[in-house]
C-alpha atoms as a PDB file:
ATOM      1  CA  UNK A   1       0.000   0.000   0.000  1.00  0.00           C
ATOM      2  CA  UNK A   2       2.778   2.391   0.975  1.00  0.00           C
ATOM      3  CA  UNK A   3       4.679   1.690  -2.249  1.00  0.00           C
ATOM      4  CA  UNK A   4       1.514   2.161  -4.310  1.00  0.00           C
ATOM      5  CA  UNK A   5       0.930   5.594  -2.795  1.00  0.00           C
ATOM      6  CA  UNK A   6       4.526   6.685  -3.402  1.00  0.00           C
ATOM      7  CA  UNK A   7       4.435   5.370  -6.983  1.00  0.00           C
ATOM      8  CA  UNK A   8       1.172   7.175  -7.713  1.00  0.00           C
ATOM      9  CA  UNK A   9       2.592  10.331  -6.133  1.00  0.00           C
ATOM     10  CA  UNK A  10       5.376  10.281  -8.732  1.00  0.00           C
ATOM     11  CA  UNK A  11       2.831   9.616 -11.481  1.00  0.00           C
ATOM     12  CA  UNK A  12       0.703  12.562 -10.354  1.00  0.00           C
ATOM     13  CA  UNK A  13       3.806  14.770 -10.512  1.00  0.00           C
ATOM     14  CA  UNK A  14       4.517  13.630 -14.067  1.00  0.00           C
ATOM     15  CA  UNK A  15       0.884  14.131 -15.119  1.00  0.00           C
ATOM     16  CA  UNK A  16       0.735  17.515 -13.343  1.00  0.00           C
ATOM     17  CA  UNK A  17      -2.470  16.406 -11.607  1.00  0.00           C
ATOM     18  CA  UNK A  18      -2.403  19.072  -8.899  1.00  0.00           C
ATOM     19  CA  UNK A  19      -5.434  17.864  -6.948  1.00  0.00           C
ATOM     20  CA  UNK A  20      -4.293  14.221  -6.736  1.00  0.00           C
ATOM     21  CA  UNK A  21      -0.716  15.328  -6.055  1.00  0.00           C
ATOM     22  CA  UNK A  22      -1.863  17.488  -3.150  1.00  0.00           C
ATOM     23  CA  UNK A  23      -3.859  14.634  -1.589  1.00  0.00           C
ATOM     24  CA  UNK A  24      -1.053  12.107  -2.076  1.00  0.00           C
ATOM     25  CA  UNK A  25       1.494  14.474  -0.536  1.00  0.00           C
ATOM     26  CA  UNK A  26      -0.829  14.909   2.435  1.00  0.00           C
ATOM     27  CA  UNK A  27      -1.096  11.102   2.818  1.00  0.00           C
ATOM     28  CA  UNK A  28       2.683  10.757   2.542  1.00  0.00           C
ATOM     29  CA  UNK A  29       3.198  13.428   5.208  1.00  0.00           C
ATOM     30  CA  UNK A  30       0.676  11.807   7.544  1.00  0.00           C
ATOM     31  CA  UNK A  31       2.334   8.413   7.011  1.00  0.00           C
ATOM     32  CA  UNK A  32       5.783   9.839   7.737  1.00  0.00           C
ATOM     33  CA  UNK A  33       4.520  11.500  10.906  1.00  0.00           C
ATOM     34  CA  UNK A  34       2.970   8.229  12.053  1.00  0.00           C
ATOM     35  CA  UNK A  35       6.197   6.347  11.239  1.00  0.00           C
ATOM     36  CA  UNK A  36       8.185   8.825  13.326  1.00  0.00           C
ATOM     37  CA  UNK A  37       5.737   8.386  16.224  1.00  0.00           C
ATOM     38  CA  UNK A  38       5.834   4.577  16.001  1.00  0.00           C
ATOM     39  CA  UNK A  39       9.556   4.443  15.149  1.00  0.00           C
ATOM     40  CA  UNK A  40       8.928   1.873  12.396  1.00  0.00           C
ATOM     41  CA  UNK A  41       7.661   1.619   8.840  1.00  0.00           C
ATOM     42  CA  UNK A  42       3.871   1.292   8.661  1.00  0.00           C
ATOM     43  CA  UNK A  43       2.225  -1.896   7.469  1.00  0.00           C
ATOM     44  CA  UNK A  44      -0.833  -1.845   5.196  1.00  0.00           C
ATOM     45  CA  UNK A  45      -3.337  -1.812   8.072  1.00  0.00           C
ATOM     46  CA  UNK A  46      -1.598   1.154   9.668  1.00  0.00           C
ATOM     47  CA  UNK A  47      -1.542   3.013   6.329  1.00  0.00           C
ATOM     48  CA  UNK A  48      -5.267   2.346   5.971  1.00  0.00           C
ATOM     49  CA  UNK A  49      -5.799   3.731   9.491  1.00  0.00           C
ATOM     50  CA  UNK A  50      -3.905   6.908   8.519  1.00  0.00           C
ATOM     51  CA  UNK A  51      -6.032   7.332   5.383  1.00  0.00           C
ATOM     52  CA  UNK A  52      -9.205   6.623   7.352  1.00  0.00           C
ATOM     53  CA  UNK A  53      -8.230   9.339   9.824  1.00  0.00           C
ATOM     54  CA  UNK A  54      -7.740  11.799   6.937  1.00  0.00           C
ATOM     55  CA  UNK A  55     -11.189  10.951   5.549  1.00  0.00           C
ATOM     56  CA  UNK A  56     -12.734  11.463   8.987  1.00  0.00           C
ATOM     57  CA  UNK A  57     -11.042  14.869   9.304  1.00  0.00           C
ATOM     58  CA  UNK A  58     -12.457  15.964   5.955  1.00  0.00           C
ATOM     59  CA  UNK A  59     -15.958  14.795   6.838  1.00  0.00           C
ATOM     60  CA  UNK A  60     -15.757  16.837  10.032  1.00  0.00           C
ATOM     61  CA  UNK A  61     -14.556  19.829   7.994  1.00  0.00           C
ATOM     62  CA  UNK A  62     -17.494  19.469   5.611  1.00  0.00           C
ATOM     63  CA  UNK A  63     -19.890  19.820   8.550  1.00  0.00           C
ATOM     64  CA  UNK A  64     -18.198  23.079   9.528  1.00  0.00           C
ATOM     65  CA  UNK A  65     -18.131  24.317   5.921  1.00  0.00           C
ATOM     66  CA  UNK A  66     -21.873  23.649   5.639  1.00  0.00           C
ATOM     67  CA  UNK A  67     -22.476  25.819   8.697  1.00  0.00           C
ATOM     68  CA  UNK A  68     -20.529  28.603   6.992  1.00  0.00           C
ATOM     69  CA  UNK A  69     -22.226  28.064   3.600  1.00  0.00           C
ATOM     70  CA  UNK A  70     -18.839  27.527   1.912  1.00  0.00           C
ATOM     71  CA  UNK A  71     -19.811  25.361  -1.053  1.00  0.00           C
ATOM     72  CA  UNK A  72     -16.411  25.647  -2.788  1.00  0.00           C
ATOM     73  CA  UNK A  73     -14.686  24.214   0.304  1.00  0.00           C
ATOM     74  CA  UNK A  74     -17.310  21.466   0.589  1.00  0.00           C
ATOM     75  CA  UNK A  75     -16.685  20.500  -3.051  1.00  0.00           C
ATOM     76  CA  UNK A  76     -12.920  20.499  -2.513  1.00  0.00           C
ATOM     77  CA  UNK A  77     -13.197  18.289   0.591  1.00  0.00           C
ATOM     78  CA  UNK A  78     -15.528  15.879  -1.223  1.00  0.00           C
ATOM     79  CA  UNK A  79     -13.048  15.618  -4.117  1.00  0.00           C
ATOM     80  CA  UNK A  80     -10.256  14.849  -1.627  1.00  0.00           C
ATOM     81  CA  UNK A  81     -12.414  12.197   0.058  1.00  0.00           C
ATOM     82  CA  UNK A  82     -13.068  10.583  -3.338  1.00  0.00           C
ATOM     83  CA  UNK A  83      -9.313  10.332  -3.967  1.00  0.00           C
ATOM     84  CA  UNK A  84      -8.652   9.008  -0.441  1.00  0.00           C
ATOM     85  CA  UNK A  85     -11.383   6.369  -0.851  1.00  0.00           C
ATOM     86  CA  UNK A  86      -9.457   4.913  -3.806  1.00  0.00           C
ATOM     87  CA  UNK A  87      -6.839   3.705  -1.308  1.00  0.00           C
ATOM     88  CA  UNK A  88      -9.287   2.226   1.171  1.00  0.00           C
ATOM     89  CA  UNK A  89     -10.339  -1.421   1.142  1.00  0.00           C
ATOM     90  CA  UNK A  90     -13.861  -2.146  -0.010  1.00  0.00           C
ATOM     91  CA  UNK A  91     -16.294  -1.020   2.657  1.00  0.00           C
ATOM     92  CA  UNK A  92     -18.373  -3.640   4.431  1.00  0.00           C
ATOM     93  CA  UNK A  93     -22.116  -3.601   3.924  1.00  0.00           C
ATOM     94  CA  UNK A  94     -24.317  -2.467   6.786  1.00  0.00           C
ATOM     95  CA  UNK A  95     -25.579  -6.050   7.222  1.00  0.00           C
ATOM     96  CA  UNK A  96     -22.009  -7.357   7.593  1.00  0.00           C
ATOM     97  CA  UNK A  97     -21.187  -4.642  10.125  1.00  0.00           C
ATOM     98  CA  UNK A  98     -24.316  -5.436  12.150  1.00  0.00           C
ATOM     99  CA  UNK A  99     -23.472  -9.157  12.019  1.00  0.00           C
ATOM    100  CA  UNK A 100     -19.957  -8.439  13.344  1.00  0.00           C
ATOM    101  CA  UNK A 101     -21.516  -6.373  16.143  1.00  0.00           C
ATOM    102  CA  UNK A 102     -23.932  -9.230  16.950  1.00  0.00           C
ATOM    103  CA  UNK A 103     -21.023 -11.691  17.067  1.00  0.00           C
ATOM    104  CA  UNK A 104     -19.068  -9.415  19.404  1.00  0.00           C
ATOM    105  CA  UNK A 105     -22.088  -9.033  21.681  1.00  0.00           C
ATOM    106  CA  UNK A 106     -22.572 -12.800  21.865  1.00  0.00           C
ATOM    107  CA  UNK A 107     -18.857 -13.282  22.595  1.00  0.00           C
ATOM    108  CA  UNK A 108     -18.646 -10.633  25.349  1.00  0.00           C
ATOM    109  CA  UNK A 109     -22.217 -10.907  26.708  1.00  0.00           C
ATOM    110  CA  UNK A 110     -22.120  -7.353  28.132  1.00  0.00           C
ATOM    111  CA  UNK A 111     -23.855  -6.711  31.437  1.00  0.00           C
ATOM    112  CA  UNK A 112     -23.349  -2.935  31.711  1.00  0.00           C
ATOM    113  CA  UNK A 113     -22.393   0.082  29.580  1.00  0.00           C
ATOM    114  CA  UNK A 114     -18.874  -0.227  30.993  1.00  0.00           C
ATOM    115  CA  UNK A 115     -18.435  -3.333  28.798  1.00  0.00           C
ATOM    116  CA  UNK A 116     -18.446  -1.204  25.637  1.00  0.00           C
ATOM    117  CA  UNK A 117     -14.639  -1.134  25.624  1.00  0.00           C
ATOM    118  CA  UNK A 118     -14.480  -4.932  25.522  1.00  0.00           C
ATOM    119  CA  UNK A 119     -16.817  -5.012  22.524  1.00  0.00           C
ATOM    120  CA  UNK A 120     -14.939  -2.269  20.664  1.00  0.00           C
ATOM    121  CA  UNK A 121     -11.655  -4.081  21.360  1.00  0.00           C
ATOM    122  CA  UNK A 122     -13.033  -7.076  19.444  1.00  0.00           C
ATOM    123  CA  UNK A 123     -14.580  -5.001  16.640  1.00  0.00           C
ATOM    124  CA  UNK A 124     -11.747  -2.536  15.971  1.00  0.00           C
ATOM    125  CA  UNK A 125      -9.290  -4.984  14.364  1.00  0.00           C
ATOM    126  CA  UNK A 126     -12.068  -6.511  12.244  1.00  0.00           C
ATOM    127  CA  UNK A 127     -13.710  -3.308  11.032  1.00  0.00           C
ATOM    128  CA  UNK A 128     -11.107  -0.521  11.019  1.00  0.00           C
ATOM    129  CA  UNK A 129     -10.779   0.762   7.477  1.00  0.00           C
ATOM    130  CA  UNK A 130     -13.654  -1.405   6.291  1.00  0.00           C
ATOM    131  CA  UNK A 131     -16.469   0.392   8.109  1.00  0.00           C
ATOM    132  CA  UNK A 132     -17.205   3.807   9.592  1.00  0.00           C
ATOM    133  CA  UNK A 133     -16.050   3.317  13.166  1.00  0.00           C
ATOM    134  CA  UNK A 134     -18.148   6.234  14.438  1.00  0.00           C
ATOM    135  CA  UNK A 135     -21.230   4.407  13.108  1.00  0.00           C
ATOM    136  CA  UNK A 136     -20.061   1.159  14.744  1.00  0.00           C
ATOM    137  CA  UNK A 137     -19.498   2.958  18.047  1.00  0.00           C
ATOM    138  CA  UNK A 138     -22.940   4.584  17.852  1.00  0.00           C
ATOM    139  CA  UNK A 139     -24.691   1.243  17.205  1.00  0.00           C
ATOM    140  CA  UNK A 140     -22.772  -0.482  20.013  1.00  0.00           C
ATOM    141  CA  UNK A 141     -23.561   2.394  22.405  1.00  0.00           C
ATOM    142  CA  UNK A 142     -27.281   2.239  21.539  1.00  0.00           C
ATOM    143  CA  UNK A 143     -27.429  -1.532  21.989  1.00  0.00           C
ATOM    144  CA  UNK A 144     -25.456  -1.570  25.210  1.00  0.00           C
ATOM    145  CA  UNK A 145     -27.539   1.197  26.771  1.00  0.00           C
ATOM    146  CA  UNK A 146     -30.707  -0.854  26.246  1.00  0.00           C
ATOM    147  CA  UNK A 147     -29.353  -3.705  28.400  1.00  0.00           C
END
């Protein structure tokens, strides 16, 4: 994954694709920062986590841009998200996500809201990069609060 991003960064430079080049440089910078923090080269799952974090940041920015009625910034963020999504694994369907949540609940058998961490600990490795973790967290929180 890392090599693919670096190769496509070079290709974007050659093609003078400014938008893609900007996004790929941002990914490269975020990956380098994460590598410095972890003191090792990132594996594919860690690269996916970095990209997922970048997508989340842009989605949060879009919410703020909508409040300010800044359509040009919304369009720019959406274009960046589209490019970032090209490097993400195929997203799981909602049914698959709910099934994974069901499996985690049956494995942990939570008794109180304090057991949410145990459930998320099981779900995070399975779903990170493949599903919107804020959605997963919301569903788990709703289910656990009804116990």
